[in-house]
N, C-alpha and C. Protein backbone atom coordinates (compact mmCIF):
# COMPACT_ATOMS: atom_id res chain seq x y z
N MET A 1 -38.08 -10.58 -18.59
CA MET A 1 -36.97 -10.30 -17.69
C MET A 1 -36.02 -11.48 -17.64
N ALA A 2 -34.75 -11.19 -17.63
CA ALA A 2 -33.75 -12.24 -17.57
C ALA A 2 -33.54 -12.66 -16.13
N THR A 3 -33.37 -13.95 -15.93
CA THR A 3 -33.08 -14.45 -14.59
C THR A 3 -31.58 -14.41 -14.36
N LYS A 4 -31.19 -14.79 -13.16
CA LYS A 4 -29.77 -14.75 -12.81
C LYS A 4 -28.95 -15.66 -13.73
N ASN A 5 -29.45 -16.84 -14.04
CA ASN A 5 -28.71 -17.81 -14.83
C ASN A 5 -28.74 -17.49 -16.32
N THR A 6 -29.73 -16.75 -16.79
CA THR A 6 -29.84 -16.47 -18.23
C THR A 6 -29.60 -15.01 -18.54
N SER A 7 -28.96 -14.33 -17.65
CA SER A 7 -28.73 -12.90 -17.85
C SER A 7 -27.87 -12.67 -19.08
N THR A 8 -28.14 -11.58 -19.76
CA THR A 8 -27.36 -11.24 -20.95
C THR A 8 -26.08 -10.49 -20.58
N LYS A 9 -25.91 -10.17 -19.30
CA LYS A 9 -24.69 -9.49 -18.87
C LYS A 9 -23.51 -10.45 -19.01
N ARG A 10 -22.35 -9.88 -19.27
CA ARG A 10 -21.14 -10.69 -19.44
C ARG A 10 -20.77 -11.36 -18.12
N ARG A 11 -20.52 -12.66 -18.18
CA ARG A 11 -20.14 -13.43 -17.00
C ARG A 11 -18.64 -13.69 -17.02
N GLN A 12 -18.08 -13.89 -15.85
CA GLN A 12 -16.68 -14.27 -15.75
C GLN A 12 -16.51 -15.66 -16.37
N PRO A 13 -15.34 -15.94 -16.99
CA PRO A 13 -15.16 -17.25 -17.62
C PRO A 13 -15.37 -18.42 -16.66
N GLY A 14 -14.92 -18.30 -15.45
CA GLY A 14 -15.11 -19.38 -14.48
C GLY A 14 -16.58 -19.61 -14.17
N ARG A 15 -17.31 -18.54 -13.97
CA ARG A 15 -18.75 -18.65 -13.70
C ARG A 15 -19.49 -19.19 -14.91
N LYS A 16 -19.11 -18.74 -16.09
CA LYS A 16 -19.72 -19.21 -17.33
C LYS A 16 -19.47 -20.71 -17.48
N ALA A 17 -18.26 -21.16 -17.21
CA ALA A 17 -17.91 -22.58 -17.31
C ALA A 17 -18.73 -23.40 -16.33
N GLU A 18 -18.93 -22.88 -15.12
CA GLU A 18 -19.75 -23.60 -14.14
C GLU A 18 -21.19 -23.73 -14.61
N ASP A 19 -21.72 -22.66 -15.20
CA ASP A 19 -23.09 -22.71 -15.72
C ASP A 19 -23.20 -23.72 -16.85
N ILE A 20 -22.24 -23.67 -17.79
CA ILE A 20 -22.26 -24.62 -18.91
C ILE A 20 -22.13 -26.05 -18.41
N HIS A 21 -21.25 -26.26 -17.43
CA HIS A 21 -21.06 -27.60 -16.85
C HIS A 21 -22.36 -28.12 -16.25
N MET A 22 -23.05 -27.28 -15.48
CA MET A 22 -24.30 -27.69 -14.83
C MET A 22 -25.34 -28.09 -15.88
N VAL A 23 -25.52 -27.28 -16.90
CA VAL A 23 -26.51 -27.57 -17.93
C VAL A 23 -26.12 -28.83 -18.70
N TRP A 24 -24.87 -28.93 -19.11
CA TRP A 24 -24.40 -30.10 -19.86
C TRP A 24 -24.58 -31.38 -19.04
N LYS A 25 -24.22 -31.32 -17.77
CA LYS A 25 -24.31 -32.50 -16.90
C LYS A 25 -25.75 -32.98 -16.75
N HIS A 26 -26.70 -32.05 -16.65
CA HIS A 26 -28.09 -32.43 -16.42
C HIS A 26 -28.85 -32.76 -17.71
N GLN A 27 -28.48 -32.15 -18.83
CA GLN A 27 -29.28 -32.33 -20.03
C GLN A 27 -28.66 -33.26 -21.06
N ALA A 28 -27.34 -33.36 -21.12
CA ALA A 28 -26.71 -34.25 -22.11
C ALA A 28 -25.37 -34.75 -21.59
N PRO A 29 -25.39 -35.54 -20.50
CA PRO A 29 -24.12 -35.93 -19.86
C PRO A 29 -23.23 -36.81 -20.73
N ASN A 30 -23.78 -37.55 -21.68
CA ASN A 30 -22.98 -38.47 -22.50
C ASN A 30 -22.57 -37.86 -23.83
N ALA A 31 -23.03 -36.66 -24.14
CA ALA A 31 -22.73 -36.04 -25.42
C ALA A 31 -21.33 -35.45 -25.42
N GLU A 32 -20.74 -35.43 -26.62
CA GLU A 32 -19.45 -34.77 -26.82
C GLU A 32 -19.67 -33.60 -27.75
N PHE A 33 -19.02 -32.48 -27.45
CA PHE A 33 -19.14 -31.31 -28.29
C PHE A 33 -17.74 -30.90 -28.73
N ALA A 34 -17.57 -30.78 -30.05
CA ALA A 34 -16.26 -30.46 -30.64
C ALA A 34 -15.21 -31.46 -30.19
N GLY A 35 -15.63 -32.71 -30.02
CA GLY A 35 -14.71 -33.76 -29.62
C GLY A 35 -14.31 -33.71 -28.16
N LYS A 36 -14.99 -32.91 -27.36
CA LYS A 36 -14.67 -32.76 -25.93
C LYS A 36 -15.77 -33.40 -25.09
N PRO A 37 -15.40 -34.38 -24.24
CA PRO A 37 -16.39 -34.97 -23.33
C PRO A 37 -16.57 -34.09 -22.09
N LEU A 38 -17.63 -34.37 -21.34
CA LEU A 38 -17.93 -33.64 -20.11
C LEU A 38 -16.78 -33.75 -19.11
N THR A 39 -16.12 -34.88 -19.06
CA THR A 39 -15.03 -35.08 -18.10
C THR A 39 -13.87 -34.12 -18.32
N GLU A 40 -13.62 -33.75 -19.59
CA GLU A 40 -12.54 -32.81 -19.87
C GLU A 40 -12.87 -31.42 -19.34
N LEU A 41 -14.12 -31.01 -19.48
CA LEU A 41 -14.56 -29.74 -18.91
C LEU A 41 -14.46 -29.77 -17.39
N GLU A 42 -14.85 -30.88 -16.79
CA GLU A 42 -14.76 -31.01 -15.33
C GLU A 42 -13.32 -30.91 -14.85
N ALA A 43 -12.39 -31.53 -15.59
CA ALA A 43 -10.97 -31.47 -15.22
C ALA A 43 -10.45 -30.02 -15.31
N ALA A 44 -10.87 -29.31 -16.34
CA ALA A 44 -10.45 -27.91 -16.49
C ALA A 44 -11.03 -27.05 -15.37
N LEU A 45 -12.28 -27.32 -14.98
CA LEU A 45 -12.90 -26.57 -13.88
C LEU A 45 -12.15 -26.82 -12.57
N VAL A 46 -11.79 -28.07 -12.31
CA VAL A 46 -11.05 -28.40 -11.09
C VAL A 46 -9.70 -27.67 -11.09
N ALA A 47 -9.04 -27.61 -12.24
CA ALA A 47 -7.74 -26.93 -12.32
C ALA A 47 -7.89 -25.44 -12.00
N VAL A 48 -8.95 -24.81 -12.52
CA VAL A 48 -9.18 -23.39 -12.25
C VAL A 48 -9.52 -23.17 -10.78
N GLN A 49 -10.35 -24.04 -10.22
CA GLN A 49 -10.70 -23.91 -8.81
C GLN A 49 -9.47 -24.08 -7.92
N GLN A 50 -8.57 -25.01 -8.29
CA GLN A 50 -7.35 -25.20 -7.52
C GLN A 50 -6.44 -23.97 -7.63
N ALA A 51 -6.37 -23.39 -8.83
CA ALA A 51 -5.56 -22.18 -9.01
C ALA A 51 -6.13 -21.03 -8.18
N ASN A 52 -7.45 -20.91 -8.13
CA ASN A 52 -8.08 -19.87 -7.30
C ASN A 52 -7.76 -20.09 -5.82
N GLU A 53 -7.80 -21.34 -5.39
CA GLU A 53 -7.49 -21.65 -3.98
C GLU A 53 -6.02 -21.33 -3.68
N ASP A 54 -5.13 -21.69 -4.62
CA ASP A 54 -3.71 -21.38 -4.44
C ASP A 54 -3.49 -19.87 -4.34
N LEU A 55 -4.22 -19.13 -5.16
CA LEU A 55 -4.12 -17.67 -5.12
C LEU A 55 -4.61 -17.11 -3.79
N ARG A 56 -5.71 -17.67 -3.26
CA ARG A 56 -6.20 -17.23 -1.95
C ARG A 56 -5.18 -17.51 -0.85
N VAL A 57 -4.56 -18.69 -0.90
CA VAL A 57 -3.55 -19.04 0.10
C VAL A 57 -2.35 -18.09 -0.02
N SER A 58 -1.93 -17.81 -1.26
CA SER A 58 -0.80 -16.90 -1.47
C SER A 58 -1.12 -15.49 -0.98
N THR A 59 -2.34 -15.04 -1.22
CA THR A 59 -2.75 -13.72 -0.77
C THR A 59 -2.74 -13.64 0.75
N ASN A 60 -3.24 -14.69 1.40
CA ASN A 60 -3.22 -14.70 2.87
C ASN A 60 -1.80 -14.75 3.40
N ALA A 61 -0.93 -15.53 2.73
CA ALA A 61 0.47 -15.61 3.16
C ALA A 61 1.15 -14.25 2.99
N ARG A 62 0.84 -13.55 1.90
CA ARG A 62 1.43 -12.24 1.68
C ARG A 62 0.96 -11.26 2.75
N SER A 63 -0.32 -11.31 3.08
CA SER A 63 -0.84 -10.42 4.12
C SER A 63 -0.13 -10.68 5.45
N ALA A 64 0.08 -11.96 5.76
CA ALA A 64 0.78 -12.30 7.01
C ALA A 64 2.22 -11.81 6.97
N ALA A 65 2.87 -11.95 5.81
CA ALA A 65 4.26 -11.51 5.69
C ALA A 65 4.36 -9.99 5.81
N VAL A 66 3.42 -9.26 5.24
CA VAL A 66 3.41 -7.80 5.35
C VAL A 66 3.22 -7.38 6.80
N LYS A 67 2.32 -8.05 7.50
CA LYS A 67 2.09 -7.73 8.93
C LYS A 67 3.35 -8.00 9.75
N THR A 68 4.01 -9.11 9.49
CA THR A 68 5.25 -9.44 10.20
C THR A 68 6.32 -8.39 9.91
N ARG A 69 6.45 -8.00 8.64
CA ARG A 69 7.43 -6.98 8.28
C ARG A 69 7.13 -5.66 8.97
N ASP A 70 5.86 -5.27 9.01
CA ASP A 70 5.48 -4.01 9.64
C ASP A 70 5.79 -4.03 11.13
N GLU A 71 5.56 -5.17 11.78
CA GLU A 71 5.89 -5.29 13.20
C GLU A 71 7.40 -5.15 13.42
N LYS A 72 8.18 -5.77 12.54
CA LYS A 72 9.64 -5.68 12.67
C LYS A 72 10.14 -4.26 12.40
N LEU A 73 9.50 -3.56 11.44
CA LEU A 73 9.87 -2.17 11.18
C LEU A 73 9.55 -1.29 12.39
N LYS A 74 8.42 -1.54 13.04
CA LYS A 74 8.06 -0.77 14.23
C LYS A 74 9.08 -1.00 15.34
N TYR A 75 9.48 -2.26 15.53
CA TYR A 75 10.49 -2.58 16.53
C TYR A 75 11.81 -1.86 16.20
N LEU A 76 12.19 -1.87 14.92
CA LEU A 76 13.42 -1.20 14.50
C LEU A 76 13.34 0.31 14.74
N ALA A 77 12.20 0.92 14.41
CA ALA A 77 12.03 2.36 14.63
C ALA A 77 12.12 2.69 16.12
N ASP A 78 11.51 1.86 16.96
CA ASP A 78 11.60 2.07 18.41
C ASP A 78 13.05 1.96 18.88
N MET A 79 13.77 0.96 18.36
CA MET A 79 15.16 0.77 18.75
C MET A 79 16.01 1.96 18.32
N LEU A 80 15.80 2.46 17.10
CA LEU A 80 16.56 3.61 16.62
C LEU A 80 16.29 4.84 17.48
N ARG A 81 15.04 5.04 17.88
CA ARG A 81 14.71 6.19 18.71
C ARG A 81 15.47 6.09 20.04
N VAL A 82 15.52 4.91 20.63
CA VAL A 82 16.22 4.72 21.90
C VAL A 82 17.72 4.95 21.71
N ILE A 83 18.28 4.46 20.59
CA ILE A 83 19.71 4.63 20.34
C ILE A 83 20.06 6.11 20.18
N VAL A 84 19.24 6.83 19.42
CA VAL A 84 19.50 8.27 19.22
C VAL A 84 19.41 9.00 20.55
N LYS A 85 18.42 8.67 21.36
CA LYS A 85 18.32 9.30 22.69
C LYS A 85 19.56 8.97 23.51
N GLY A 86 20.08 7.74 23.36
CA GLY A 86 21.29 7.35 24.07
C GLY A 86 22.50 8.15 23.63
N VAL A 87 22.61 8.40 22.32
CA VAL A 87 23.72 9.22 21.81
C VAL A 87 23.58 10.64 22.34
N GLN A 88 22.36 11.18 22.34
CA GLN A 88 22.14 12.54 22.82
C GLN A 88 22.54 12.70 24.28
N SER A 89 22.28 11.68 25.07
CA SER A 89 22.54 11.81 26.50
C SER A 89 23.90 11.23 26.92
N HIS A 90 24.68 10.72 25.99
CA HIS A 90 25.98 10.12 26.32
C HIS A 90 26.98 11.21 26.67
N PRO A 91 27.74 11.05 27.77
CA PRO A 91 28.67 12.12 28.18
C PRO A 91 29.82 12.35 27.19
N ASP A 92 30.22 11.34 26.44
CA ASP A 92 31.33 11.50 25.49
C ASP A 92 30.87 11.98 24.12
N HIS A 93 29.60 11.92 23.84
CA HIS A 93 29.12 12.28 22.51
C HIS A 93 28.09 13.42 22.60
N GLY A 94 26.88 13.14 22.89
CA GLY A 94 25.86 14.17 23.07
C GLY A 94 25.31 14.73 21.77
N GLU A 95 24.44 15.76 21.94
CA GLU A 95 23.74 16.35 20.80
C GLU A 95 24.63 17.24 19.94
N ASP A 96 25.83 17.52 20.41
CA ASP A 96 26.72 18.40 19.66
C ASP A 96 27.89 17.64 19.03
N SER A 97 27.81 16.34 18.96
CA SER A 97 28.95 15.55 18.52
C SER A 97 28.92 15.28 17.02
N SER A 98 30.11 14.89 16.52
CA SER A 98 30.22 14.53 15.11
C SER A 98 29.48 13.21 14.85
N LEU A 99 29.41 12.34 15.85
CA LEU A 99 28.66 11.09 15.71
C LEU A 99 27.18 11.40 15.47
N TYR A 100 26.65 12.31 16.22
CA TYR A 100 25.25 12.72 16.08
C TYR A 100 25.00 13.30 14.69
N ARG A 101 25.94 14.13 14.21
CA ARG A 101 25.84 14.69 12.87
C ARG A 101 25.92 13.58 11.81
N ALA A 102 26.85 12.64 11.98
CA ALA A 102 27.02 11.55 11.02
C ALA A 102 25.77 10.66 10.95
N MET A 103 25.01 10.62 12.02
CA MET A 103 23.76 9.85 12.02
C MET A 103 22.65 10.57 11.26
N GLY A 104 22.93 11.80 10.82
CA GLY A 104 21.95 12.52 10.02
C GLY A 104 21.16 13.57 10.76
N PHE A 105 21.59 13.93 11.96
CA PHE A 105 20.88 14.93 12.75
C PHE A 105 21.66 16.23 12.78
N ILE A 106 20.98 17.30 13.10
CA ILE A 106 21.62 18.61 13.20
C ILE A 106 22.10 18.80 14.63
N PRO A 107 23.39 19.03 14.83
CA PRO A 107 23.91 19.24 16.19
C PRO A 107 23.22 20.41 16.87
N TYR A 108 23.12 20.35 18.16
CA TYR A 108 22.39 21.34 18.96
C TYR A 108 22.88 22.75 18.70
N SER A 109 24.19 22.91 18.62
CA SER A 109 24.75 24.26 18.46
C SER A 109 24.47 24.86 17.09
N GLU A 110 24.08 24.06 16.11
CA GLU A 110 23.83 24.56 14.76
C GLU A 110 22.35 24.74 14.46
N ARG A 111 21.51 24.45 15.40
CA ARG A 111 20.07 24.55 15.17
C ARG A 111 19.63 26.01 15.19
N ASN A 112 18.66 26.33 14.33
CA ASN A 112 18.03 27.65 14.34
C ASN A 112 16.79 27.57 15.22
N SER A 113 16.34 28.72 15.66
CA SER A 113 15.18 28.72 16.55
C SER A 113 13.90 28.39 15.80
N GLY A 114 13.88 28.63 14.48
CA GLY A 114 12.66 28.42 13.72
C GLY A 114 11.80 29.66 13.67
N LEU A 115 12.17 30.70 14.44
CA LEU A 115 11.40 31.93 14.47
C LEU A 115 11.73 32.75 13.22
N THR A 116 10.70 33.17 12.53
CA THR A 116 10.89 34.04 11.37
C THR A 116 10.08 35.30 11.57
N ARG A 117 10.57 36.40 11.08
CA ARG A 117 9.87 37.67 11.20
C ARG A 117 9.61 38.22 9.80
N ARG A 118 8.42 38.77 9.65
CA ARG A 118 8.09 39.39 8.37
C ARG A 118 8.76 40.75 8.27
N ASN A 119 9.12 41.12 7.06
CA ASN A 119 9.69 42.46 6.83
C ASN A 119 8.58 43.49 6.98
N LYS A 120 8.89 44.56 7.70
CA LYS A 120 7.92 45.65 7.85
C LYS A 120 8.04 46.56 6.64
N SER A 121 6.94 47.19 6.27
CA SER A 121 6.98 48.10 5.12
C SER A 121 7.80 49.34 5.46
N ALA A 122 8.41 49.92 4.47
CA ALA A 122 9.27 51.10 4.66
C ALA A 122 8.48 52.33 5.08
N THR A 123 7.21 52.43 4.68
CA THR A 123 6.42 53.61 5.01
C THR A 123 5.90 53.57 6.44
N GLY A 124 5.80 52.37 6.99
CA GLY A 124 5.33 52.25 8.36
C GLY A 124 3.84 52.42 8.49
N THR A 125 3.09 52.34 7.40
CA THR A 125 1.64 52.53 7.47
C THR A 125 0.94 51.30 8.02
N GLY A 126 1.61 50.17 7.95
CA GLY A 126 0.97 48.96 8.44
C GLY A 126 0.03 48.35 7.43
N ASN A 127 -0.09 48.96 6.26
CA ASN A 127 -0.94 48.43 5.21
C ASN A 127 -0.17 47.32 4.51
N SER A 128 -0.66 46.11 4.64
CA SER A 128 0.07 44.97 4.10
C SER A 128 0.10 44.97 2.59
N SER A 129 -0.94 45.52 1.94
CA SER A 129 -0.93 45.56 0.47
C SER A 129 0.12 46.53 -0.05
N ALA A 130 0.34 47.65 0.68
CA ALA A 130 1.36 48.61 0.25
C ALA A 130 2.74 47.99 0.39
N GLY A 131 2.96 47.27 1.46
CA GLY A 131 4.26 46.64 1.69
C GLY A 131 4.54 45.56 0.67
N SER A 132 3.51 44.85 0.28
CA SER A 132 3.73 43.78 -0.69
C SER A 132 4.01 44.35 -2.07
N GLU A 133 3.47 45.53 -2.38
CA GLU A 133 3.73 46.15 -3.66
C GLU A 133 5.18 46.61 -3.74
N GLU A 134 5.71 47.10 -2.63
CA GLU A 134 7.09 47.58 -2.61
C GLU A 134 8.05 46.43 -2.78
N THR A 135 7.78 45.31 -2.12
CA THR A 135 8.69 44.18 -2.21
C THR A 135 8.59 43.49 -3.55
N ALA A 136 7.41 43.59 -4.17
CA ALA A 136 7.24 42.95 -5.47
C ALA A 136 7.88 43.76 -6.57
N ALA A 137 8.01 45.10 -6.39
CA ALA A 137 8.53 45.98 -7.44
C ALA A 137 10.01 45.91 -7.57
């Protein structure tokens, strides 16, 4: 059975580098491989760790910025709702005004009730399948 450190599963490059660093440091600290000393590997590891930390800080800053933006959007939505209510209740403008229409709303006098009625079948049998056949034909 493979242990955690000798697993044959693919490791992330950063984790692999940490494992190699640990083994190199303990078993052959003065050796150079391919002309690279242990200190060069350590410097590269520090650079990667610093980049990871910078990324964590940036991620946290982005999360904070998104939260701030969302709070400001909520405040804006609340303000718009109050303004629209103000236009609706204003004696010179109201729900039937061109200002209300220009803001993107349907004036009160142009609104439909929303009530729709189904067409009844011509035979009056009340059989919905018969009525649907007539309208489909």
